[in-house]
Amino acid sequence: LLKLLVGDMQYDTGTIAKEKDIKIGFLRQD
């Protein structure tokens, strides 16, 4: 789910709507 939110993976159906120019930081396990 975290990878979907940051755009690292593609989802099958549905939508993820983001505010314009939003900056997302992702601290991965590895």
PDB file of all heavy atoms in Angstrom:
ATOM      1  N   LEU A   1       0.831  -1.204   0.000  1.00  0.00           N
ATOM      2  CA  LEU A   1       0.000   0.000   0.000  1.00  0.00           C
ATOM      3  C   LEU A   1       0.869   1.260   0.000  1.00  0.00           C
ATOM      4  O   LEU A   1       0.575   2.231  -0.715  1.00  0.00           O
ATOM      5  CB  LEU A   1      -0.939   0.002   1.209  1.00  0.00           C
ATOM      6  CG  LEU A   1      -1.916   1.185   1.303  1.00  0.00           C
ATOM      7  CD1 LEU A   1      -2.751   1.318   0.033  1.00  0.00           C
ATOM      8  CD2 LEU A   1      -2.830   1.043   2.526  1.00  0.00           C
ATOM      9  N   LEU A   2       1.955   1.257   0.778  1.00  0.00           N
ATOM     10  CA  LEU A   2       2.858   2.413   0.792  1.00  0.00           C
ATOM     11  C   LEU A   2       3.480   2.624  -0.593  1.00  0.00           C
ATOM     12  O   LEU A   2       3.589   3.759  -1.065  1.00  0.00           O
ATOM     13  CB  LEU A   2       3.971   2.222   1.828  1.00  0.00           C
ATOM     14  CG  LEU A   2       3.563   2.176   3.307  1.00  0.00           C
ATOM     15  CD1 LEU A   2       4.806   2.224   4.188  1.00  0.00           C
ATOM     16  CD2 LEU A   2       2.633   3.309   3.683  1.00  0.00           C
ATOM     17  N   LYS A   3       3.868   1.522  -1.236  1.00  0.00           N
ATOM     18  CA  LYS A   3       4.469   1.631  -2.575  1.00  0.00           C
ATOM     19  C   LYS A   3       3.461   2.162  -3.593  1.00  0.00           C
ATOM     20  O   LYS A   3       3.827   2.886  -4.523  1.00  0.00           O
ATOM     21  CB  LYS A   3       5.012   0.270  -3.017  1.00  0.00           C
ATOM     22  CG  LYS A   3       6.240  -0.166  -2.236  1.00  0.00           C
ATOM     23  CD  LYS A   3       6.647  -1.590  -2.580  1.00  0.00           C
ATOM     24  CE  LYS A   3       7.836  -2.040  -1.727  1.00  0.00           C
ATOM     25  NZ  LYS A   3       8.191  -3.455  -1.951  1.00  0.00           N
ATOM     26  N   LEU A   4       2.186   1.814  -3.418  1.00  0.00           N
ATOM     27  CA  LEU A   4       1.139   2.336  -4.305  1.00  0.00           C
ATOM     28  C   LEU A   4       0.969   3.840  -4.105  1.00  0.00           C
ATOM     29  O   LEU A   4       0.819   4.595  -5.066  1.00  0.00           O
ATOM     30  CB  LEU A   4      -0.191   1.621  -4.033  1.00  0.00           C
ATOM     31  CG  LEU A   4      -0.268   0.143  -4.431  1.00  0.00           C
ATOM     32  CD1 LEU A   4      -1.549  -0.475  -3.893  1.00  0.00           C
ATOM     33  CD2 LEU A   4      -0.198  -0.023  -5.935  1.00  0.00           C
ATOM     34  N   LEU A   5       0.997   4.272  -2.843  1.00  0.00           N
ATOM     35  CA  LEU A   5       0.798   5.698  -2.545  1.00  0.00           C
ATOM     36  C   LEU A   5       1.920   6.564  -3.102  1.00  0.00           C
ATOM     37  O   LEU A   5       1.688   7.694  -3.533  1.00  0.00           O
ATOM     38  CB  LEU A   5       0.685   5.908  -1.020  1.00  0.00           C
ATOM     39  CG  LEU A   5      -0.519   5.265  -0.328  1.00  0.00           C
ATOM     40  CD1 LEU A   5      -0.486   5.559   1.168  1.00  0.00           C
ATOM     41  CD2 LEU A   5      -1.830   5.757  -0.920  1.00  0.00           C
ATOM     42  N   VAL A   6       3.151   6.015  -3.097  1.00  0.00           N
ATOM     43  CA  VAL A   6       4.297   6.801  -3.575  1.00  0.00           C
ATOM     44  C   VAL A   6       4.498   6.640  -5.084  1.00  0.00           C
ATOM     45  O   VAL A   6       5.289   7.363  -5.699  1.00  0.00           O
ATOM     46  CB  VAL A   6       5.577   6.411  -2.806  1.00  0.00           C
ATOM     47  CG1 VAL A   6       6.199   5.139  -3.361  1.00  0.00           C
ATOM     48  CG2 VAL A   6       6.588   7.554  -2.794  1.00  0.00           C
ATOM     49  N   GLY A   7       3.772   5.668  -5.696  1.00  0.00           N
ATOM     50  CA  GLY A   7       3.863   5.481  -7.143  1.00  0.00           C
ATOM     51  C   GLY A   7       4.894   4.466  -7.585  1.00  0.00           C
ATOM     52  O   GLY A   7       5.218   4.390  -8.769  1.00  0.00           O
ATOM     53  N   ASP A   8       5.423   3.655  -6.647  1.00  0.00           N
ATOM     54  CA  ASP A   8       6.403   2.629  -7.005  1.00  0.00           C
ATOM     55  C   ASP A   8       5.762   1.401  -7.653  1.00  0.00           C
ATOM     56  O   ASP A   8       6.435   0.610  -8.298  1.00  0.00           O
ATOM     57  CB  ASP A   8       7.172   2.165  -5.749  1.00  0.00           C
ATOM     58  CG  ASP A   8       8.257   3.148  -5.341  1.00  0.00           C
ATOM     59  OD1 ASP A   8       8.386   4.183  -6.027  1.00  0.00           O
ATOM     60  OD2 ASP A   8       8.950   2.904  -4.341  1.00  0.00           O
ATOM     61  N   MET A   9       4.452   1.227  -7.426  1.00  0.00           N
ATOM     62  CA  MET A   9       3.720   0.085  -7.989  1.00  0.00           C
ATOM     63  C   MET A   9       2.426   0.553  -8.630  1.00  0.00           C
ATOM     64  O   MET A   9       1.927   1.639  -8.327  1.00  0.00           O
ATOM     65  CB  MET A   9       3.397  -0.943  -6.881  1.00  0.00           C
ATOM     66  CG  MET A   9       4.582  -1.709  -6.356  1.00  0.00           C
ATOM     67  SD  MET A   9       4.099  -2.878  -5.042  1.00  0.00           S
ATOM     68  CE  MET A   9       3.019  -3.984  -5.968  1.00  0.00           C
ATOM     69  N   GLN A  10       1.875  -0.289  -9.496  1.00  0.00           N
ATOM     70  CA  GLN A  10       0.600  -0.009 -10.152  1.00  0.00           C
ATOM     71  C   GLN A  10      -0.505  -0.817  -9.491  1.00  0.00           C
ATOM     72  O   GLN A  10      -0.298  -1.961  -9.086  1.00  0.00           O
ATOM     73  CB  GLN A  10       0.675  -0.354 -11.645  1.00  0.00           C
ATOM     74  CG  GLN A  10       1.652   0.501 -12.439  1.00  0.00           C
ATOM     75  CD  GLN A  10       1.267   1.971 -12.445  1.00  0.00           C
ATOM     76  OE1 GLN A  10       0.109   2.323 -12.677  1.00  0.00           O
ATOM     77  NE2 GLN A  10       2.236   2.837 -12.182  1.00  0.00           N
ATOM     78  N   TYR A  11      -1.706  -0.235  -9.396  1.00  0.00           N
ATOM     79  CA  TYR A  11      -2.856  -0.939  -8.834  1.00  0.00           C
ATOM     80  C   TYR A  11      -3.754  -1.421  -9.964  1.00  0.00           C
ATOM     81  O   TYR A  11      -3.662  -0.975 -11.110  1.00  0.00           O
ATOM     82  CB  TYR A  11      -3.627  -0.048  -7.856  1.00  0.00           C
ATOM     83  CG  TYR A  11      -3.845   1.370  -8.318  1.00  0.00           C
ATOM     84  CD1 TYR A  11      -4.957   1.728  -9.073  1.00  0.00           C
ATOM     85  CD2 TYR A  11      -2.912   2.372  -7.999  1.00  0.00           C
ATOM     86  CE1 TYR A  11      -5.154   3.038  -9.491  1.00  0.00           C
ATOM     87  CE2 TYR A  11      -3.095   3.681  -8.417  1.00  0.00           C
ATOM     88  CZ  TYR A  11      -4.213   4.004  -9.155  1.00  0.00           C
ATOM     89  OH  TYR A  11      -4.401   5.297  -9.575  1.00  0.00           O
ATOM     90  N   ASP A  12      -4.643  -2.375  -9.633  1.00  0.00           N
ATOM     91  CA  ASP A  12      -5.543  -2.953 -10.643  1.00  0.00           C
ATOM     92  C   ASP A  12      -6.688  -2.008 -10.975  1.00  0.00           C
ATOM     93  O   ASP A  12      -6.896  -1.645 -12.127  1.00  0.00           O
ATOM     94  CB  ASP A  12      -6.094  -4.296 -10.148  1.00  0.00           C
ATOM     95  CG  ASP A  12      -4.994  -5.335  -9.971  1.00  0.00           C
ATOM     96  OD1 ASP A  12      -3.917  -5.141 -10.555  1.00  0.00           O
ATOM     97  OD2 ASP A  12      -5.210  -6.318  -9.253  1.00  0.00           O
ATOM     98  N   THR A  13      -7.457  -1.631  -9.954  1.00  0.00           N
ATOM     99  CA  THR A  13      -8.594  -0.731 -10.153  1.00  0.00           C
ATOM    100  C   THR A  13      -8.658   0.282  -9.024  1.00  0.00           C
ATOM    101  O   THR A  13      -8.029   0.105  -7.979  1.00  0.00           O
ATOM    102  CB  THR A  13      -9.924  -1.515 -10.193  1.00  0.00           C
ATOM    103  OG1 THR A  13     -10.075  -2.228  -8.948  1.00  0.00           O
ATOM    104  CG2 THR A  13      -9.950  -2.502 -11.358  1.00  0.00           C
ATOM    105  N   GLY A  14      -9.454   1.342  -9.238  1.00  0.00           N
ATOM    106  CA  GLY A  14      -9.610   2.386  -8.226  1.00  0.00           C
ATOM    107  C   GLY A  14      -8.825   3.630  -8.600  1.00  0.00           C
ATOM    108  O   GLY A  14      -8.257   3.738  -9.694  1.00  0.00           O
ATOM    109  N   THR A  15      -8.775   4.587  -7.678  1.00  0.00           N
ATOM    110  CA  THR A  15      -8.065   5.838  -7.936  1.00  0.00           C
ATOM    111  C   THR A  15      -7.289   6.289  -6.689  1.00  0.00           C
ATOM    112  O   THR A  15      -7.704   6.023  -5.553  1.00  0.00           O
ATOM    113  CB  THR A  15      -9.028   6.977  -8.327  1.00  0.00           C
ATOM    114  OG1 THR A  15     -10.000   7.147  -7.278  1.00  0.00           O
ATOM    115  CG2 THR A  15      -9.732   6.681  -9.635  1.00  0.00           C
ATOM    116  N   ILE A  16      -6.163   6.976  -6.923  1.00  0.00           N
ATOM    117  CA  ILE A  16      -5.426   7.670  -5.869  1.00  0.00           C
ATOM    118  C   ILE A  16      -5.303   9.122  -6.323  1.00  0.00           C
ATOM    119  O   ILE A  16      -4.531   9.432  -7.230  1.00  0.00           O
ATOM    120  CB  ILE A  16      -4.033   7.066  -5.640  1.00  0.00           C
ATOM    121  CG1 ILE A  16      -4.140   5.604  -5.193  1.00  0.00           C
ATOM    122  CG2 ILE A  16      -3.269   7.872  -4.583  1.00  0.00           C
ATOM    123  CD1 ILE A  16      -2.796   4.921  -5.002  1.00  0.00           C
ATOM    124  N   ALA A  17      -6.112   9.988  -5.729  1.00  0.00           N
ATOM    125  CA  ALA A  17      -6.115  11.403  -6.101  1.00  0.00           C
ATOM    126  C   ALA A  17      -5.201  12.175  -5.161  1.00  0.00           C
ATOM    127  O   ALA A  17      -5.316  12.072  -3.934  1.00  0.00           O
ATOM    128  CB  ALA A  17      -7.538  11.957  -6.040  1.00  0.00           C
ATOM    129  N   LYS A  18      -4.267  12.959  -5.729  1.00  0.00           N
ATOM    130  CA  LYS A  18      -3.307  13.728  -4.940  1.00  0.00           C
ATOM    131  C   LYS A  18      -3.481  15.209  -5.223  1.00  0.00           C
ATOM    132  O   LYS A  18      -3.798  15.603  -6.345  1.00  0.00           O
ATOM    133  CB  LYS A  18      -1.872  13.321  -5.303  1.00  0.00           C
ATOM    134  CG  LYS A  18      -1.567  11.839  -5.134  1.00  0.00           C
ATOM    135  CD  LYS A  18      -0.159  11.518  -5.597  1.00  0.00           C
ATOM    136  CE  LYS A  18       0.126  10.023  -5.506  1.00  0.00           C
ATOM    137  NZ  LYS A  18       1.468   9.673  -6.019  1.00  0.00           N
ATOM    138  N   GLU A  19      -3.275  16.038  -4.179  1.00  0.00           N
ATOM    139  CA  GLU A  19      -3.277  17.480  -4.383  1.00  0.00           C
ATOM    140  C   GLU A  19      -2.111  17.866  -5.299  1.00  0.00           C
ATOM    141  O   GLU A  19      -1.080  17.199  -5.327  1.00  0.00           O
ATOM    142  CB  GLU A  19      -3.138  18.210  -3.040  1.00  0.00           C
ATOM    143  CG  GLU A  19      -4.377  18.117  -2.170  1.00  0.00           C
ATOM    144  CD  GLU A  19      -4.218  18.886  -0.868  1.00  0.00           C
ATOM    145  OE1 GLU A  19      -3.171  19.545  -0.692  1.00  0.00           O
ATOM    146  OE2 GLU A  19      -5.135  18.822  -0.030  1.00  0.00           O
ATOM    147  N   LYS A  20      -2.282  18.947  -6.031  1.00  0.00           N
ATOM    148  CA  LYS A  20      -1.265  19.397  -6.967  1.00  0.00           C
ATOM    149  C   LYS A  20       0.037  19.749  -6.230  1.00  0.00           C
ATOM    150  O   LYS A  20       0.016  20.357  -5.166  1.00  0.00           O
ATOM    151  CB  LYS A  20      -1.776  20.623  -7.736  1.00  0.00           C
ATOM    152  CG  LYS A  20      -0.874  21.045  -8.881  1.00  0.00           C
ATOM    153  CD  LYS A  20      -1.445  22.253  -9.609  1.00  0.00           C
ATOM    154  CE  LYS A  20      -0.516  22.688 -10.738  1.00  0.00           C
ATOM    155  NZ  LYS A  20      -1.024  23.905 -11.431  1.00  0.00           N
ATOM    156  N   ASP A  21       1.156  19.340  -6.796  1.00  0.00           N
ATOM    157  CA  ASP A  21       2.504  19.639  -6.282  1.00  0.00           C
ATOM    158  C   ASP A  21       2.768  19.047  -4.902  1.00  0.00           C
ATOM    159  O   ASP A  21       3.656  19.510  -4.178  1.00  0.00           O
ATOM    160  CB  ASP A  21       2.750  21.158  -6.230  1.00  0.00           C
ATOM    161  CG  ASP A  21       2.672  21.804  -7.605  1.00  0.00           C
ATOM    162  OD1 ASP A  21       3.059  21.133  -8.580  1.00  0.00           O
ATOM    163  OD2 ASP A  21       2.216  22.955  -7.690  1.00  0.00           O
ATOM    164  N   ILE A  22       2.021  18.019  -4.512  1.00  0.00           N
ATOM    165  CA  ILE A  22       2.239  17.396  -3.202  1.00  0.00           C
ATOM    166  C   ILE A  22       3.574  16.649  -3.208  1.00  0.00           C
ATOM    167  O   ILE A  22       3.949  16.024  -4.197  1.00  0.00           O
ATOM    168  CB  ILE A  22       1.080  16.440  -2.849  1.00  0.00           C
ATOM    169  CG1 ILE A  22       1.153  16.037  -1.376  1.00  0.00           C
ATOM    170  CG2 ILE A  22       1.086  15.196  -3.729  1.00  0.00           C
ATOM    171  CD1 ILE A  22      -0.082  15.295  -0.887  1.00  0.00           C
ATOM    172  N   LYS A  23       4.336  16.765  -2.113  1.00  0.00           N
ATOM    173  CA  LYS A  23       5.635  16.097  -1.991  1.00  0.00           C
ATOM    174  C   LYS A  23       5.522  14.948  -0.995  1.00  0.00           C
ATOM    175  O   LYS A  23       5.119  15.148   0.152  1.00  0.00           O
ATOM    176  CB  LYS A  23       6.704  17.093  -1.524  1.00  0.00           C
ATOM    177  CG  LYS A  23       7.037  18.161  -2.565  1.00  0.00           C
ATOM    178  CD  LYS A  23       7.981  19.220  -1.998  1.00  0.00           C
ATOM    179  CE  LYS A  23       9.333  18.642  -1.683  1.00  0.00           C
ATOM    180  NZ  LYS A  23      10.266  19.674  -1.147  1.00  0.00           N
ATOM    181  N   ILE A  24       5.872  13.755  -1.461  1.00  0.00           N
ATOM    182  CA  ILE A  24       5.762  12.557  -0.631  1.00  0.00           C
ATOM    183  C   ILE A  24       7.154  11.983  -0.379  1.00  0.00           C
ATOM    184  O   ILE A  24       7.914  11.728  -1.310  1.00  0.00           O
ATOM    185  CB  ILE A  24       4.875  11.485  -1.305  1.00  0.00           C
ATOM    186  CG1 ILE A  24       3.468  12.038  -1.559  1.00  0.00           C
ATOM    187  CG2 ILE A  24       4.801  10.231  -0.447  1.00  0.00           C
ATOM    188  CD1 ILE A  24       2.554  11.082  -2.299  1.00  0.00           C
ATOM    189  N   GLY A  25       7.504  11.791   0.893  1.00  0.00           N
ATOM    190  CA  GLY A  25       8.770  11.166   1.271  1.00  0.00           C
ATOM    191  C   GLY A  25       8.525   9.747   1.735  1.00  0.00           C
ATOM    192  O   GLY A  25       7.573   9.487   2.479  1.00  0.00           O
ATOM    193  N   PHE A  26       9.369   8.806   1.301  1.00  0.00           N
ATOM    194  CA  PHE A  26       9.150   7.389   1.589  1.00  0.00           C
ATOM    195  C   PHE A  26      10.403   6.786   2.217  1.00  0.00           C
ATOM    196  O   PHE A  26      11.457   6.749   1.596  1.00  0.00           O
ATOM    197  CB  PHE A  26       8.798   6.665   0.285  1.00  0.00           C
ATOM    198  CG  PHE A  26       8.438   5.209   0.448  1.00  0.00           C
ATOM    199  CD1 PHE A  26       8.018   4.691   1.665  1.00  0.00           C
ATOM    200  CD2 PHE A  26       8.524   4.337  -0.637  1.00  0.00           C
ATOM    201  CE1 PHE A  26       7.678   3.357   1.804  1.00  0.00           C
ATOM    202  CE2 PHE A  26       8.194   2.999  -0.511  1.00  0.00           C
ATOM    203  CZ  PHE A  26       7.776   2.506   0.709  1.00  0.00           C
ATOM    204  N   LEU A  27      10.275   6.335   3.467  1.00  0.00           N
ATOM    205  CA  LEU A  27      11.361   5.625   4.148  1.00  0.00           C
ATOM    206  C   LEU A  27      11.105   4.133   4.002  1.00  0.00           C
ATOM    207  O   LEU A  27      10.217   3.583   4.634  1.00  0.00           O
ATOM    208  CB  LEU A  27      11.415   6.008   5.629  1.00  0.00           C
ATOM    209  CG  LEU A  27      12.538   5.355   6.439  1.00  0.00           C
ATOM    210  CD1 LEU A  27      13.891   5.909   6.023  1.00  0.00           C
ATOM    211  CD2 LEU A  27      12.329   5.535   7.922  1.00  0.00           C
ATOM    212  N   ARG A  28      11.876   3.494   3.149  1.00  0.00           N
ATOM    213  CA  ARG A  28      11.679   2.076   2.863  1.00  0.00           C
ATOM    214  C   ARG A  28      12.332   1.199   3.926  1.00  0.00           C
ATOM    215  O   ARG A  28      13.178   1.646   4.685  1.00  0.00           O
ATOM    216  CB  ARG A  28      12.262   1.732   1.488  1.00  0.00           C
ATOM    217  CG  ARG A  28      11.513   2.400   0.337  1.00  0.00           C
ATOM    218  CD  ARG A  28      12.294   2.282  -0.972  1.00  0.00           C
ATOM    219  NE  ARG A  28      11.506   2.747  -2.112  1.00  0.00           N
ATOM    220  CZ  ARG A  28      11.369   4.025  -2.439  1.00  0.00           C
ATOM    221  NH1 ARG A  28      11.972   4.961  -1.719  1.00  0.00           N
ATOM    222  NH2 ARG A  28      10.633   4.369  -3.480  1.00  0.00           N
ATOM    223  N   GLN A  29      11.934  -0.100   3.936  1.00  0.00           N
ATOM    224  CA  GLN A  29      12.553  -1.054   4.863  1.00  0.00           C
ATOM    225  C   GLN A  29      14.029  -1.230   4.539  1.00  0.00           C
ATOM    226  O   GLN A  29      14.874  -1.295   5.417  1.00  0.00           O
ATOM    227  CB  GLN A  29      11.867  -2.425   4.743  1.00  0.00           C
ATOM    228  CG  GLN A  29      10.529  -2.518   5.446  1.00  0.00           C
ATOM    229  CD  GLN A  29       9.993  -3.941   5.431  1.00  0.00           C
ATOM    230  OE1 GLN A  29      10.737  -4.894   5.232  1.00  0.00           O
ATOM    231  NE2 GLN A  29       8.702  -4.093   5.626  1.00  0.00           N
ATOM    232  N   ASP A  30      14.326  -1.333   3.236  1.00  0.00           N
ATOM    233  CA  ASP A  30      15.699  -1.602   2.809  1.00  0.00           C
ATOM    234  C   ASP A  30      16.287  -0.344   2.181  1.00  0.00           C
ATOM    235  O   ASP A  30      15.839   0.107   1.126  1.00  0.00           O
ATOM    236  CB  ASP A  30      15.729  -2.754   1.798  1.00  0.00           C
ATOM    237  CG  ASP A  30      15.094  -4.022   2.369  1.00  0.00           C
ATOM    238  OD1 ASP A  30      15.432  -4.368   3.509  1.00  0.00           O
ATOM    239  OD2 ASP A  30      14.263  -4.626   1.679  1.00  0.00           O
TER     240      ASP A  30
END
